[in-house]
Amino acid sequence: MCGVKHAMANAEACTKGCVMKGSTYALIVDDKAYTLETSSDAIKDELNGLAEKAATVTGDVTGDTIAVASVDAG
């Protein structure tokens, strides 16, 4: 919803609030946002724990979307 910048001052709360309302997580690289898609509940839990933190995402990129295979802190 917000894209690269958040509407709320607390970026982590903003991210988690949007996801709870149906938005998907995004990976922000510089000024570019990549939509993260996964059907795995385990990966969704990992993304939730890493909201607003540095992460390494592995997957297939198509345009601005990443089909997430794995995610790690850092």
PDB file of N, CA and C in Angstrom:
ATOM      1  N   MET A   1       0.828  -1.195   0.000  1.00  0.00           N
ATOM      2  CA  MET A   1       0.000   0.000   0.000  1.00  0.00           C
ATOM      3  C   MET A   1       0.873   1.260   0.000  1.00  0.00           C
ATOM      4  N   CYS A   2       1.812   1.356   0.933  1.00  0.00           N
ATOM      5  CA  CYS A   2       2.631   2.562   1.062  1.00  0.00           C
ATOM      6  C   CYS A   2       3.756   2.610   0.035  1.00  0.00           C
ATOM      7  N   GLY A   3       4.246   1.447  -0.368  1.00  0.00           N
ATOM      8  CA  GLY A   3       5.380   1.415  -1.284  1.00  0.00           C
ATOM      9  C   GLY A   3       6.683   1.561  -0.531  1.00  0.00           C
ATOM     10  N   VAL A   4       7.572   2.418  -1.025  1.00  0.00           N
ATOM     11  CA  VAL A   4       8.902   2.570  -0.441  1.00  0.00           C
ATOM     12  C   VAL A   4       8.862   3.337   0.872  1.00  0.00           C
ATOM     13  N   LYS A   5       7.938   4.251   1.025  1.00  0.00           N
ATOM     14  CA  LYS A   5       7.818   5.051   2.246  1.00  0.00           C
ATOM     15  C   LYS A   5       6.520   4.678   2.963  1.00  0.00           C
ATOM     16  N   HIS A   6       6.561   4.781   4.298  1.00  0.00           N
ATOM     17  CA  HIS A   6       5.399   4.399   5.100  1.00  0.00           C
ATOM     18  C   HIS A   6       4.540   5.601   5.456  1.00  0.00           C
ATOM     19  N   ALA A   7       3.247   5.348   5.640  1.00  0.00           N
ATOM     20  CA  ALA A   7       2.308   6.398   6.036  1.00  0.00           C
ATOM     21  C   ALA A   7       2.380   6.667   7.538  1.00  0.00           C
ATOM     22  N   MET A   8       2.823   5.654   8.301  1.00  0.00           N
ATOM     23  CA  MET A   8       2.922   5.790   9.757  1.00  0.00           C
ATOM     24  C   MET A   8       4.384   6.026  10.153  1.00  0.00           C
ATOM     25  N   ALA A   9       4.595   6.680  11.290  1.00  0.00           N
ATOM     26  CA  ALA A   9       5.948   6.933  11.779  1.00  0.00           C
ATOM     27  C   ALA A   9       6.658   5.639  12.157  1.00  0.00           C
ATOM     28  N   ASN A  10       5.935   4.665  12.715  1.00  0.00           N
ATOM     29  CA  ASN A  10       6.519   3.384  13.091  1.00  0.00           C
ATOM     30  C   ASN A  10       6.426   2.450  11.894  1.00  0.00           C
ATOM     31  N   ALA A  11       7.534   2.311  11.165  1.00  0.00           N
ATOM     32  CA  ALA A  11       7.536   1.547   9.918  1.00  0.00           C
ATOM     33  C   ALA A  11       7.190   0.071  10.132  1.00  0.00           C
ATOM     34  N   GLU A  12       7.662  -0.532  11.222  1.00  0.00           N
ATOM     35  CA  GLU A  12       7.357  -1.941  11.482  1.00  0.00           C
ATOM     36  C   GLU A  12       5.862  -2.130  11.710  1.00  0.00           C
ATOM     37  N   ALA A  13       5.256  -1.268  12.512  1.00  0.00           N
ATOM     38  CA  ALA A  13       3.812  -1.353  12.776  1.00  0.00           C
ATOM     39  C   ALA A  13       3.020  -1.102  11.497  1.00  0.00           C
ATOM     40  N   CYS A  14       3.485  -0.179  10.678  1.00  0.00           N
ATOM     41  CA  CYS A  14       2.823   0.123   9.410  1.00  0.00           C
ATOM     42  C   CYS A  14       2.840  -1.109   8.506  1.00  0.00           C
ATOM     43  N   THR A  15       4.011  -1.727   8.384  1.00  0.00           N
ATOM     44  CA  THR A  15       4.150  -2.918   7.545  1.00  0.00           C
ATOM     45  C   THR A  15       3.233  -4.035   8.011  1.00  0.00           C
ATOM     46  N   LYS A  16       3.311  -4.355   9.299  1.00  0.00           N
ATOM     47  CA  LYS A  16       2.507  -5.452   9.834  1.00  0.00           C
ATOM     48  C   LYS A  16       1.014  -5.143   9.752  1.00  0.00           C
ATOM     49  N   GLY A  17       0.627  -3.886   9.946  1.00  0.00           N
ATOM     50  CA  GLY A  17      -0.775  -3.491   9.841  1.00  0.00           C
ATOM     51  C   GLY A  17      -1.306  -3.683   8.430  1.00  0.00           C
ATOM     52  N   CYS A  18      -0.512  -3.295   7.439  1.00  0.00           N
ATOM     53  CA  CYS A  18      -0.931  -3.463   6.042  1.00  0.00           C
ATOM     54  C   CYS A  18      -1.066  -4.938   5.681  1.00  0.00           C
ATOM     55  N   VAL A  19      -0.123  -5.752   6.148  1.00  0.00           N
ATOM     56  CA  VAL A  19      -0.169  -7.186   5.848  1.00  0.00           C
ATOM     57  C   VAL A  19      -1.390  -7.823   6.500  1.00  0.00           C
ATOM     58  N   MET A  20      -1.713  -7.413   7.730  1.00  0.00           N
ATOM     59  CA  MET A  20      -2.904  -7.949   8.403  1.00  0.00           C
ATOM     60  C   MET A  20      -4.175  -7.596   7.646  1.00  0.00           C
ATOM     61  N   LYS A  21      -4.143  -6.490   6.881  1.00  0.00           N
ATOM     62  CA  LYS A  21      -5.314  -6.069   6.112  1.00  0.00           C
ATOM     63  C   LYS A  21      -5.305  -6.622   4.694  1.00  0.00           C
ATOM     64  N   GLY A  22      -4.328  -7.505   4.371  1.00  0.00           N
ATOM     65  CA  GLY A  22      -4.344  -8.167   3.079  1.00  0.00           C
ATOM     66  C   GLY A  22      -3.237  -7.812   2.118  1.00  0.00           C
ATOM     67  N   SER A  23      -2.411  -6.826   2.445  1.00  0.00           N
ATOM     68  CA  SER A  23      -1.282  -6.494   1.578  1.00  0.00           C
ATOM     69  C   SER A  23      -0.219  -7.585   1.677  1.00  0.00           C
ATOM     70  N   THR A  24       0.657  -7.646   0.701  1.00  0.00           N
ATOM     71  CA  THR A  24       1.769  -8.592   0.759  1.00  0.00           C
ATOM     72  C   THR A  24       3.021  -7.857   1.206  1.00  0.00           C
ATOM     73  N   TYR A  25       3.997  -8.617   1.718  1.00  0.00           N
ATOM     74  CA  TYR A  25       5.268  -8.009   2.087  1.00  0.00           C
ATOM     75  C   TYR A  25       6.003  -7.573   0.835  1.00  0.00           C
ATOM     76  N   ALA A  26       6.931  -6.648   1.019  1.00  0.00           N
ATOM     77  CA  ALA A  26       7.763  -6.180  -0.088  1.00  0.00           C
ATOM     78  C   ALA A  26       9.202  -6.132   0.389  1.00  0.00           C
ATOM     79  N   LEU A  27      10.105  -6.339  -0.530  1.00  0.00           N
ATOM     80  CA  LEU A  27      11.527  -6.167  -0.286  1.00  0.00           C
ATOM     81  C   LEU A  27      11.911  -4.835  -0.902  1.00  0.00           C
ATOM     82  N   ILE A  28      12.463  -3.940  -0.078  1.00  0.00           N
ATOM     83  CA  ILE A  28      12.865  -2.625  -0.563  1.00  0.00           C
ATOM     84  C   ILE A  28      14.361  -2.645  -0.802  1.00  0.00           C
ATOM     85  N   VAL A  29      14.767  -2.329  -2.027  1.00  0.00           N
ATOM     86  CA  VAL A  29      16.175  -2.231  -2.402  1.00  0.00           C
ATOM     87  C   VAL A  29      16.371  -0.840  -2.979  1.00  0.00           C
ATOM     88  N   ASP A  30      17.086   0.006  -2.216  1.00  0.00           N
ATOM     89  CA  ASP A  30      17.242   1.418  -2.572  1.00  0.00           C
ATOM     90  C   ASP A  30      15.856   2.044  -2.703  1.00  0.00           C
ATOM     91  N   ASP A  31      15.478   2.507  -3.873  1.00  0.00           N
ATOM     92  CA  ASP A  31      14.163   3.133  -4.070  1.00  0.00           C
ATOM     93  C   ASP A  31      13.194   2.222  -4.832  1.00  0.00           C
ATOM     94  N   LYS A  32      13.492   0.938  -4.886  1.00  0.00           N
ATOM     95  CA  LYS A  32      12.659  -0.002  -5.631  1.00  0.00           C
ATOM     96  C   LYS A  32      11.995  -0.989  -4.671  1.00  0.00           C
ATOM     97  N   ALA A  33      10.723  -1.261  -4.886  1.00  0.00           N
ATOM     98  CA  ALA A  33       9.973  -2.210  -4.065  1.00  0.00           C
ATOM     99  C   ALA A  33       9.656  -3.449  -4.897  1.00  0.00           C
ATOM    100  N   TYR A  34       9.984  -4.614  -4.350  1.00  0.00           N
ATOM    101  CA  TYR A  34       9.657  -5.889  -4.969  1.00  0.00           C
ATOM    102  C   TYR A  34       8.565  -6.553  -4.133  1.00  0.00           C
ATOM    103  N   THR A  35       7.468  -6.938  -4.747  1.00  0.00           N
ATOM    104  CA  THR A  35       6.400  -7.645  -4.061  1.00  0.00           C
ATOM    105  C   THR A  35       6.860  -9.072  -3.810  1.00  0.00           C
ATOM    106  N   LEU A  36       6.673  -9.549  -2.571  1.00  0.00           N
ATOM    107  CA  LEU A  36       7.085 -10.903  -2.212  1.00  0.00           C
ATOM    108  C   LEU A  36       5.857 -11.804  -2.183  1.00  0.00           C
ATOM    109  N   GLU A  37       5.896 -12.865  -2.993  1.00  0.00           N
ATOM    110  CA  GLU A  37       4.770 -13.800  -3.059  1.00  0.00           C
ATOM    111  C   GLU A  37       5.199 -15.168  -2.559  1.00  0.00           C
ATOM    112  N   THR A  38       4.370 -15.758  -1.702  1.00  0.00           N
ATOM    113  CA  THR A  38       4.589 -17.121  -1.226  1.00  0.00           C
ATOM    114  C   THR A  38       3.278 -17.676  -0.699  1.00  0.00           C
ATOM    115  N   SER A  39       3.114 -18.975  -0.821  1.00  0.00           N
ATOM    116  CA  SER A  39       1.953 -19.632  -0.229  1.00  0.00           C
ATOM    117  C   SER A  39       2.358 -20.373   1.039  1.00  0.00           C
ATOM    118  N   SER A  40       3.649 -20.340   1.376  1.00  0.00           N
ATOM    119  CA  SER A  40       4.178 -21.040   2.543  1.00  0.00           C
ATOM    120  C   SER A  40       3.923 -20.250   3.821  1.00  0.00           C
ATOM    121  N   ASP A  41       3.212 -20.861   4.771  1.00  0.00           N
ATOM    122  CA  ASP A  41       2.978 -20.205   6.053  1.00  0.00           C
ATOM    123  C   ASP A  41       4.284 -20.009   6.820  1.00  0.00           C
ATOM    124  N   ALA A  42       5.234 -20.931   6.671  1.00  0.00           N
ATOM    125  CA  ALA A  42       6.526 -20.809   7.353  1.00  0.00           C
ATOM    126  C   ALA A  42       7.282 -19.587   6.846  1.00  0.00           C
ATOM    127  N   ILE A  43       7.283 -19.365   5.548  1.00  0.00           N
ATOM    128  CA  ILE A  43       7.966 -18.194   4.986  1.00  0.00           C
ATOM    129  C   ILE A  43       7.231 -16.923   5.393  1.00  0.00           C
ATOM    130  N   LYS A  44       5.911 -16.945   5.402  1.00  0.00           N
ATOM    131  CA  LYS A  44       5.145 -15.773   5.847  1.00  0.00           C
ATOM    132  C   LYS A  44       5.488 -15.428   7.290  1.00  0.00           C
ATOM    133  N   ASP A  45       5.650 -16.432   8.151  1.00  0.00           N
ATOM    134  CA  ASP A  45       6.036 -16.198   9.545  1.00  0.00           C
ATOM    135  C   ASP A  45       7.429 -15.578   9.625  1.00  0.00           C
ATOM    136  N   GLU A  46       8.355 -16.074   8.795  1.00  0.00           N
ATOM    137  CA  GLU A  46       9.706 -15.505   8.763  1.00  0.00           C
ATOM    138  C   GLU A  46       9.671 -14.052   8.310  1.00  0.00           C
ATOM    139  N   LEU A  47       8.894 -13.760   7.276  1.00  0.00           N
ATOM    140  CA  LEU A  47       8.779 -12.384   6.788  1.00  0.00           C
ATOM    141  C   LEU A  47       8.195 -11.484   7.864  1.00  0.00           C
ATOM    142  N   ASN A  48       7.216 -11.983   8.597  1.00  0.00           N
ATOM    143  CA  ASN A  48       6.606 -11.207   9.666  1.00  0.00           C
ATOM    144  C   ASN A  48       7.637 -10.855  10.737  1.00  0.00           C
ATOM    145  N   GLY A  49       8.489 -11.808  11.072  1.00  0.00           N
ATOM    146  CA  GLY A  49       9.523 -11.571  12.071  1.00  0.00           C
ATOM    147  C   GLY A  49      10.626 -10.642  11.590  1.00  0.00           C
ATOM    148  N   LEU A  50      10.767 -10.512  10.289  1.00  0.00           N
ATOM    149  CA  LEU A  50      11.821  -9.675   9.717  1.00  0.00           C
ATOM    150  C   LEU A  50      11.308  -8.328   9.203  1.00  0.00           C
ATOM    151  N   ALA A  51      10.065  -8.012   9.477  1.00  0.00           N
ATOM    152  CA  ALA A  51       9.515  -6.733   8.998  1.00  0.00           C
ATOM    153  C   ALA A  51      10.409  -5.582   9.446  1.00  0.00           C
ATOM    154  N   GLU A  52      10.826  -4.774   8.489  1.00  0.00           N
ATOM    155  CA  GLU A  52      11.680  -3.599   8.700  1.00  0.00           C
ATOM    156  C   GLU A  52      13.096  -3.939   9.127  1.00  0.00           C
ATOM    157  N   LYS A  53      13.526  -5.170   8.883  1.00  0.00           N
ATOM    158  CA  LYS A  53      14.895  -5.577   9.180  1.00  0.00           C
ATOM    159  C   LYS A  53      15.567  -6.007   7.880  1.00  0.00           C
ATOM    160  N   ALA A  54      16.887  -6.030   7.889  1.00  0.00           N
ATOM    161  CA  ALA A  54      17.625  -6.502   6.724  1.00  0.00           C
ATOM    162  C   ALA A  54      17.360  -7.995   6.532  1.00  0.00           C
ATOM    163  N   ALA A  55      17.178  -8.397   5.289  1.00  0.00           N
ATOM    164  CA  ALA A  55      16.896  -9.801   4.988  1.00  0.00           C
ATOM    165  C   ALA A  55      17.479 -10.163   3.623  1.00  0.00           C
ATOM    166  N   THR A  56      17.785 -11.430   3.490  1.00  0.00           N
ATOM    167  CA  THR A  56      18.198 -11.977   2.201  1.00  0.00           C
ATOM    168  C   THR A  56      17.057 -12.854   1.706  1.00  0.00           C
ATOM    169  N   VAL A  57      16.549 -12.524   0.531  1.00  0.00           N
ATOM    170  CA  VAL A  57      15.426 -13.256  -0.051  1.00  0.00           C
ATOM    171  C   VAL A  57      15.923 -13.992  -1.283  1.00  0.00           C
ATOM    172  N   THR A  58      15.585 -15.272  -1.369  1.00  0.00           N
ATOM    173  CA  THR A  58      15.945 -16.084  -2.519  1.00  0.00           C
ATOM    174  C   THR A  58      14.657 -16.512  -3.219  1.00  0.00           C
ATOM    175  N   GLY A  59      14.661 -16.417  -4.548  1.00  0.00           N
ATOM    176  CA  GLY A  59      13.492 -16.832  -5.307  1.00  0.00           C
ATOM    177  C   GLY A  59      13.599 -16.409  -6.751  1.00  0.00           C
ATOM    178  N   ASP A  60      12.529 -16.615  -7.488  1.00  0.00           N
ATOM    179  CA  ASP A  60      12.475 -16.269  -8.903  1.00  0.00           C
ATOM    180  C   ASP A  60      11.872 -14.885  -9.067  1.00  0.00           C
ATOM    181  N   VAL A  61      12.576 -14.027  -9.824  1.00  0.00           N
ATOM    182  CA  VAL A  61      12.131 -12.653 -10.047  1.00  0.00           C
ATOM    183  C   VAL A  61      11.450 -12.552 -11.404  1.00  0.00           C
ATOM    184  N   THR A  62      10.248 -11.975 -11.389  1.00  0.00           N
ATOM    185  CA  THR A  62       9.526 -11.665 -12.617  1.00  0.00           C
ATOM    186  C   THR A  62       9.065 -10.219 -12.497  1.00  0.00           C
ATOM    187  N   GLY A  63       9.711  -9.331 -13.223  1.00  0.00           N
ATOM    188  CA  GLY A  63       9.379  -7.910 -13.119  1.00  0.00           C
ATOM    189  C   GLY A  63       9.657  -7.400 -11.724  1.00  0.00           C
ATOM    190  N   ASP A  64       8.621  -6.917 -11.036  1.00  0.00           N
ATOM    191  CA  ASP A  64       8.741  -6.380  -9.680  1.00  0.00           C
ATOM    192  C   ASP A  64       8.255  -7.360  -8.621  1.00  0.00           C
ATOM    193  N   THR A  65       8.139  -8.636  -8.976  1.00  0.00           N
ATOM    194  CA  THR A  65       7.624  -9.643  -8.061  1.00  0.00           C
ATOM    195  C   THR A  65       8.663 -10.745  -7.865  1.00  0.00           C
ATOM    196  N   ILE A  66       8.814 -11.173  -6.606  1.00  0.00           N
ATOM    197  CA  ILE A  66       9.701 -12.288  -6.280  1.00  0.00           C
ATOM    198  C   ILE A  66       8.860 -13.424  -5.722  1.00  0.00           C
ATOM    199  N   ALA A  67       8.927 -14.592  -6.366  1.00  0.00           N
ATOM    200  CA  ALA A  67       8.307 -15.811  -5.836  1.00  0.00           C
ATOM    201  C   ALA A  67       9.322 -16.361  -4.836  1.00  0.00           C
ATOM    202  N   VAL A  68       9.058 -16.177  -3.557  1.00  0.00           N
ATOM    203  CA  VAL A  68      10.033 -16.448  -2.506  1.00  0.00           C
ATOM    204  C   VAL A  68      10.218 -17.942  -2.282  1.00  0.00           C
ATOM    205  N   ALA A  69      11.485 -18.376  -2.345  1.00  0.00           N
ATOM    206  CA  ALA A  69      11.844 -19.762  -2.032  1.00  0.00           C
ATOM    207  C   ALA A  69      12.354 -19.853  -0.597  1.00  0.00           C
ATOM    208  N   SER A  70      13.079 -18.798  -0.157  1.00  0.00           N
ATOM    209  CA  SER A  70      13.586 -18.785   1.215  1.00  0.00           C
ATOM    210  C   SER A  70      13.881 -17.343   1.615  1.00  0.00           C
ATOM    211  N   VAL A  71      13.965 -17.133   2.927  1.00  0.00           N
ATOM    212  CA  VAL A  71      14.297 -15.819   3.464  1.00  0.00           C
ATOM    213  C   VAL A  71      15.135 -16.024   4.722  1.00  0.00           C
ATOM    214  N   ASP A  72      16.170 -15.197   4.880  1.00  0.00           N
ATOM    215  CA  ASP A  72      17.050 -15.273   6.031  1.00  0.00           C
ATOM    216  C   ASP A  72      17.349 -13.876   6.551  1.00  0.00           C
ATOM    217  N   ALA A  73      17.575 -13.767   7.837  1.00  0.00           N
ATOM    218  CA  ALA A  73      17.965 -12.486   8.436  1.00  0.00           C
ATOM    219  C   ALA A  73      19.329 -12.081   7.891  1.00  0.00           C
ATOM    220  N   GLY A  74      19.461 -10.788   7.653  1.00  0.00           N
ATOM    221  CA  GLY A  74      20.772 -10.271   7.240  1.00  0.00           C
ATOM    222  C   GLY A  74      20.850 -10.083   5.812  1.00  0.00           C
TER     223      GLY A  74
END
